[in-house]
N, C-alpha and C. Protein backbone atom coordinates (compact mmCIF):
# COMPACT_ATOMS: atom_id res chain seq x y z
N MET A 1 -46.72 178.37 194.07
CA MET A 1 -46.03 177.12 194.33
C MET A 1 -46.53 176.57 195.66
N SER A 2 -46.85 175.30 195.66
CA SER A 2 -47.34 174.69 196.88
C SER A 2 -46.16 174.35 197.79
N ILE A 3 -46.46 174.13 199.06
CA ILE A 3 -45.43 173.80 200.04
C ILE A 3 -44.78 172.47 199.70
N ALA A 4 -45.58 171.51 199.28
CA ALA A 4 -45.05 170.18 198.95
C ALA A 4 -44.06 170.26 197.79
N ARG A 5 -44.39 171.05 196.79
CA ARG A 5 -43.48 171.21 195.64
C ARG A 5 -42.19 171.90 196.07
N GLY A 6 -42.30 172.90 196.91
CA GLY A 6 -41.12 173.60 197.41
C GLY A 6 -40.22 172.69 198.22
N VAL A 7 -40.81 171.84 199.05
CA VAL A 7 -40.04 170.89 199.85
C VAL A 7 -39.37 169.87 198.94
N THR A 8 -40.07 169.43 197.91
CA THR A 8 -39.50 168.47 196.96
C THR A 8 -38.30 169.08 196.24
N GLN A 9 -38.44 170.33 195.79
CA GLN A 9 -37.32 171.00 195.12
C GLN A 9 -36.14 171.19 196.07
N LEU A 10 -36.42 171.55 197.29
CA LEU A 10 -35.35 171.72 198.28
C LEU A 10 -34.65 170.39 198.53
N GLY A 11 -35.42 169.33 198.64
CA GLY A 11 -34.84 168.00 198.84
C GLY A 11 -33.94 167.59 197.69
N SER A 12 -34.35 167.87 196.47
CA SER A 12 -33.52 167.49 195.32
C SER A 12 -32.25 168.33 195.28
N ARG A 13 -32.33 169.59 195.65
CA ARG A 13 -31.13 170.43 195.69
C ARG A 13 -30.16 169.98 196.78
N VAL A 14 -30.71 169.59 197.92
CA VAL A 14 -29.87 169.08 199.01
C VAL A 14 -29.18 167.80 198.58
N ASN A 15 -29.90 166.91 197.88
CA ASN A 15 -29.30 165.67 197.40
C ASN A 15 -28.20 165.93 196.39
N GLN A 16 -28.40 166.89 195.49
CA GLN A 16 -27.36 167.24 194.52
C GLN A 16 -26.12 167.78 195.23
N LEU A 17 -26.34 168.65 196.20
CA LEU A 17 -25.22 169.20 196.96
C LEU A 17 -24.49 168.11 197.73
N LYS A 18 -25.24 167.21 198.35
CA LYS A 18 -24.65 166.11 199.10
C LYS A 18 -23.80 165.22 198.19
N GLU A 19 -24.32 164.90 197.02
CA GLU A 19 -23.59 164.06 196.07
C GLU A 19 -22.30 164.75 195.61
N GLN A 20 -22.35 166.05 195.43
CA GLN A 20 -21.15 166.78 194.99
C GLN A 20 -20.13 166.90 196.12
N ILE A 21 -20.57 167.24 197.31
CA ILE A 21 -19.64 167.45 198.43
C ILE A 21 -18.98 166.15 198.85
N PHE A 22 -19.75 165.08 198.94
CA PHE A 22 -19.23 163.81 199.43
C PHE A 22 -18.79 162.87 198.33
N SER A 23 -18.58 163.40 197.12
CA SER A 23 -18.06 162.57 196.04
C SER A 23 -16.59 162.25 196.33
N PRO A 24 -16.07 161.16 195.78
CA PRO A 24 -14.66 160.83 196.02
C PRO A 24 -13.70 161.95 195.63
N LYS A 25 -14.09 162.76 194.66
CA LYS A 25 -13.23 163.87 194.22
C LYS A 25 -13.06 164.92 195.33
N ASN A 26 -14.11 165.19 196.10
CA ASN A 26 -14.08 166.24 197.11
C ASN A 26 -14.04 165.72 198.54
N LEU A 27 -13.96 164.42 198.72
CA LEU A 27 -14.04 163.84 200.06
C LEU A 27 -12.93 164.33 200.98
N PHE A 28 -11.73 164.43 200.47
CA PHE A 28 -10.60 164.89 201.27
C PHE A 28 -10.86 166.29 201.83
N TYR A 29 -11.29 167.20 200.96
CA TYR A 29 -11.54 168.59 201.38
C TYR A 29 -12.73 168.68 202.31
N THR A 30 -13.74 167.88 202.08
CA THR A 30 -14.91 167.87 202.95
C THR A 30 -14.52 167.40 204.35
N ASN A 31 -13.74 166.33 204.44
CA ASN A 31 -13.31 165.83 205.74
C ASN A 31 -12.43 166.83 206.48
N ILE A 32 -11.55 167.50 205.76
CA ILE A 32 -10.70 168.52 206.38
C ILE A 32 -11.57 169.65 206.93
N ALA A 33 -12.53 170.12 206.15
CA ALA A 33 -13.39 171.22 206.59
C ALA A 33 -14.21 170.84 207.81
N ILE A 34 -14.76 169.62 207.81
CA ILE A 34 -15.56 169.17 208.95
C ILE A 34 -14.68 169.05 210.19
N SER A 35 -13.50 168.47 210.05
CA SER A 35 -12.60 168.27 211.20
C SER A 35 -12.14 169.60 211.78
N VAL A 36 -11.75 170.54 210.92
CA VAL A 36 -11.29 171.85 211.39
C VAL A 36 -12.42 172.58 212.11
N SER A 37 -13.61 172.57 211.52
CA SER A 37 -14.72 173.31 212.15
C SER A 37 -15.13 172.66 213.47
N LEU A 38 -15.17 171.35 213.55
CA LEU A 38 -15.52 170.69 214.81
C LEU A 38 -14.47 170.94 215.89
N SER A 39 -13.20 170.92 215.51
CA SER A 39 -12.15 171.19 216.49
C SER A 39 -12.22 172.63 216.99
N GLY A 40 -12.49 173.56 216.09
CA GLY A 40 -12.61 174.96 216.49
C GLY A 40 -13.80 175.20 217.41
N VAL A 41 -14.94 174.66 217.04
CA VAL A 41 -16.14 174.83 217.87
C VAL A 41 -15.95 174.15 219.23
N GLY A 42 -15.34 172.98 219.22
CA GLY A 42 -15.07 172.28 220.48
C GLY A 42 -14.18 173.08 221.40
N ASP A 43 -13.16 173.73 220.85
CA ASP A 43 -12.28 174.53 221.68
C ASP A 43 -12.99 175.79 222.20
N ILE A 44 -13.84 176.37 221.38
CA ILE A 44 -14.61 177.54 221.85
C ILE A 44 -15.50 177.14 223.03
N LEU A 45 -16.15 175.99 222.92
CA LEU A 45 -16.98 175.52 224.04
C LEU A 45 -16.14 175.23 225.28
N GLU A 46 -14.98 174.61 225.08
CA GLU A 46 -14.09 174.30 226.20
C GLU A 46 -13.59 175.58 226.87
N GLN A 47 -13.21 176.57 226.07
CA GLN A 47 -12.76 177.84 226.66
C GLN A 47 -13.89 178.52 227.42
N HIS A 48 -15.09 178.48 226.87
CA HIS A 48 -16.23 179.09 227.57
C HIS A 48 -16.45 178.42 228.92
N TYR A 49 -16.35 177.10 228.94
CA TYR A 49 -16.49 176.36 230.20
C TYR A 49 -15.38 176.75 231.18
N GLU A 50 -14.15 176.85 230.68
CA GLU A 50 -13.03 177.24 231.55
C GLU A 50 -13.19 178.66 232.09
N ILE A 51 -13.75 179.55 231.28
CA ILE A 51 -14.01 180.92 231.75
C ILE A 51 -15.07 180.90 232.85
N LEU A 52 -16.12 180.11 232.65
CA LEU A 52 -17.16 180.01 233.68
C LEU A 52 -16.63 179.40 234.97
N GLN A 53 -15.69 178.47 234.87
CA GLN A 53 -15.11 177.83 236.06
C GLN A 53 -14.06 178.72 236.72
N GLY A 54 -13.59 179.74 236.04
CA GLY A 54 -12.59 180.63 236.60
C GLY A 54 -11.15 180.19 236.37
N THR A 55 -10.94 179.18 235.55
CA THR A 55 -9.57 178.72 235.28
C THR A 55 -8.96 179.41 234.07
N TRP A 56 -9.76 180.18 233.34
CA TRP A 56 -9.28 180.89 232.15
C TRP A 56 -9.89 182.29 232.19
N GLU A 57 -9.13 183.31 231.83
CA GLU A 57 -9.62 184.69 231.97
C GLU A 57 -10.49 185.14 230.80
N LYS A 58 -10.03 184.92 229.57
CA LYS A 58 -10.78 185.38 228.41
C LYS A 58 -10.54 184.44 227.24
N TRP A 59 -11.39 184.57 226.21
CA TRP A 59 -11.29 183.72 225.04
C TRP A 59 -10.02 184.03 224.27
N SER A 60 -9.32 183.00 223.84
CA SER A 60 -8.08 183.14 223.10
C SER A 60 -8.27 182.66 221.66
N PRO A 61 -8.35 183.58 220.70
CA PRO A 61 -8.50 183.16 219.31
C PRO A 61 -7.27 182.40 218.79
N VAL A 62 -6.10 182.70 219.33
CA VAL A 62 -4.88 181.99 218.91
C VAL A 62 -4.99 180.53 219.30
N ARG A 63 -5.43 180.27 220.53
CA ARG A 63 -5.60 178.88 220.98
C ARG A 63 -6.62 178.16 220.11
N THR A 64 -7.72 178.82 219.80
CA THR A 64 -8.75 178.19 218.97
C THR A 64 -8.22 177.88 217.58
N SER A 65 -7.46 178.80 217.00
CA SER A 65 -6.91 178.53 215.67
C SER A 65 -5.91 177.38 215.71
N HIS A 66 -5.11 177.30 216.76
CA HIS A 66 -4.16 176.19 216.89
C HIS A 66 -4.89 174.86 217.04
N MET A 67 -5.94 174.85 217.82
CA MET A 67 -6.71 173.62 218.01
C MET A 67 -7.41 173.20 216.72
N ALA A 68 -7.92 174.18 215.98
CA ALA A 68 -8.60 173.87 214.73
C ALA A 68 -7.62 173.29 213.72
N ILE A 69 -6.44 173.87 213.63
CA ILE A 69 -5.44 173.38 212.69
C ILE A 69 -4.95 171.99 213.10
N SER A 70 -4.77 171.78 214.40
CA SER A 70 -4.29 170.47 214.85
C SER A 70 -5.34 169.39 214.64
N GLY A 71 -6.59 169.76 214.55
CA GLY A 71 -7.65 168.80 214.32
C GLY A 71 -8.02 168.66 212.86
N SER A 72 -7.09 168.98 211.98
CA SER A 72 -7.41 169.01 210.55
C SER A 72 -7.79 167.65 209.99
N GLY A 73 -7.36 166.58 210.61
CA GLY A 73 -7.76 165.26 210.16
C GLY A 73 -6.91 164.67 209.06
N CYS A 74 -5.84 165.35 208.67
CA CYS A 74 -4.98 164.82 207.61
C CYS A 74 -4.42 163.46 207.97
N TYR A 75 -4.14 163.27 209.23
CA TYR A 75 -3.55 162.01 209.67
C TYR A 75 -4.55 160.86 209.67
N THR A 76 -5.82 161.14 209.52
CA THR A 76 -6.81 160.06 209.46
C THR A 76 -7.33 159.81 208.06
N ILE A 77 -7.46 160.84 207.25
CA ILE A 77 -8.04 160.66 205.92
C ILE A 77 -7.02 160.13 204.92
N ILE A 78 -5.76 160.48 205.07
CA ILE A 78 -4.75 160.01 204.11
C ILE A 78 -4.61 158.49 204.14
N PRO A 79 -4.51 157.85 205.32
CA PRO A 79 -4.47 156.38 205.30
C PRO A 79 -5.75 155.76 204.72
N TYR A 80 -6.88 156.39 204.95
CA TYR A 80 -8.13 155.88 204.39
C TYR A 80 -8.10 155.95 202.87
N LEU A 81 -7.64 157.08 202.32
CA LEU A 81 -7.56 157.21 200.87
C LEU A 81 -6.57 156.21 200.29
N LEU A 82 -5.47 155.97 200.98
CA LEU A 82 -4.51 154.97 200.52
C LEU A 82 -5.16 153.58 200.52
N ALA A 83 -5.93 153.29 201.54
CA ALA A 83 -6.62 152.00 201.60
C ALA A 83 -7.64 151.88 200.47
N MET A 84 -8.31 152.97 200.15
CA MET A 84 -9.29 152.96 199.06
C MET A 84 -8.64 152.64 197.73
N THR A 85 -7.41 153.10 197.52
CA THR A 85 -6.75 152.82 196.25
C THR A 85 -6.20 151.39 196.22
N CYS A 86 -5.83 150.84 197.37
CA CYS A 86 -5.26 149.49 197.40
C CYS A 86 -6.33 148.41 197.35
N ILE A 87 -7.42 148.58 198.07
CA ILE A 87 -8.46 147.56 198.12
C ILE A 87 -9.84 148.18 197.90
N PRO A 88 -10.07 148.79 196.75
CA PRO A 88 -11.36 149.48 196.53
C PRO A 88 -12.55 148.54 196.48
N ALA A 89 -12.38 147.34 195.98
CA ALA A 89 -13.52 146.44 195.85
C ALA A 89 -14.08 146.05 197.21
N ARG A 90 -13.23 145.85 198.18
CA ARG A 90 -13.70 145.44 199.51
C ARG A 90 -14.35 146.60 200.26
N LEU A 91 -13.88 147.81 200.06
CA LEU A 91 -14.43 148.95 200.80
C LEU A 91 -15.70 149.50 200.15
N ASN A 92 -15.87 149.31 198.86
CA ASN A 92 -16.99 149.93 198.16
C ASN A 92 -18.19 149.02 197.99
N THR A 93 -18.11 147.76 198.37
CA THR A 93 -19.24 146.85 198.20
C THR A 93 -19.95 146.63 199.52
N THR A 94 -21.20 146.28 199.44
CA THR A 94 -21.98 145.98 200.63
C THR A 94 -22.28 144.49 200.64
N ASN A 95 -22.51 143.96 201.82
CA ASN A 95 -22.90 142.55 201.93
C ASN A 95 -24.34 142.38 201.50
N GLN A 96 -24.55 141.52 200.53
CA GLN A 96 -25.92 141.33 200.03
C GLN A 96 -26.35 139.92 200.23
């Protein structure tokens, strides 16, 4: 198999995965997963910085889990989904 063919196959698989993950059926779960992971990683970085500055003694997994849960994004995606059901034509079309 040539490199170009392998890259093409990888690209098509990535596109299939992207279409499945970001489909309207899975959008809610995708947004929740992205928000939770970004909040958790952000808190880990913040705690590391606080440890380096001397304001925090050690990493707290409880704090990270609380920050990740609080950043779940439910409060942002639910109004968006409600808007999608009320005015889908305006949100789904592009200006041509």
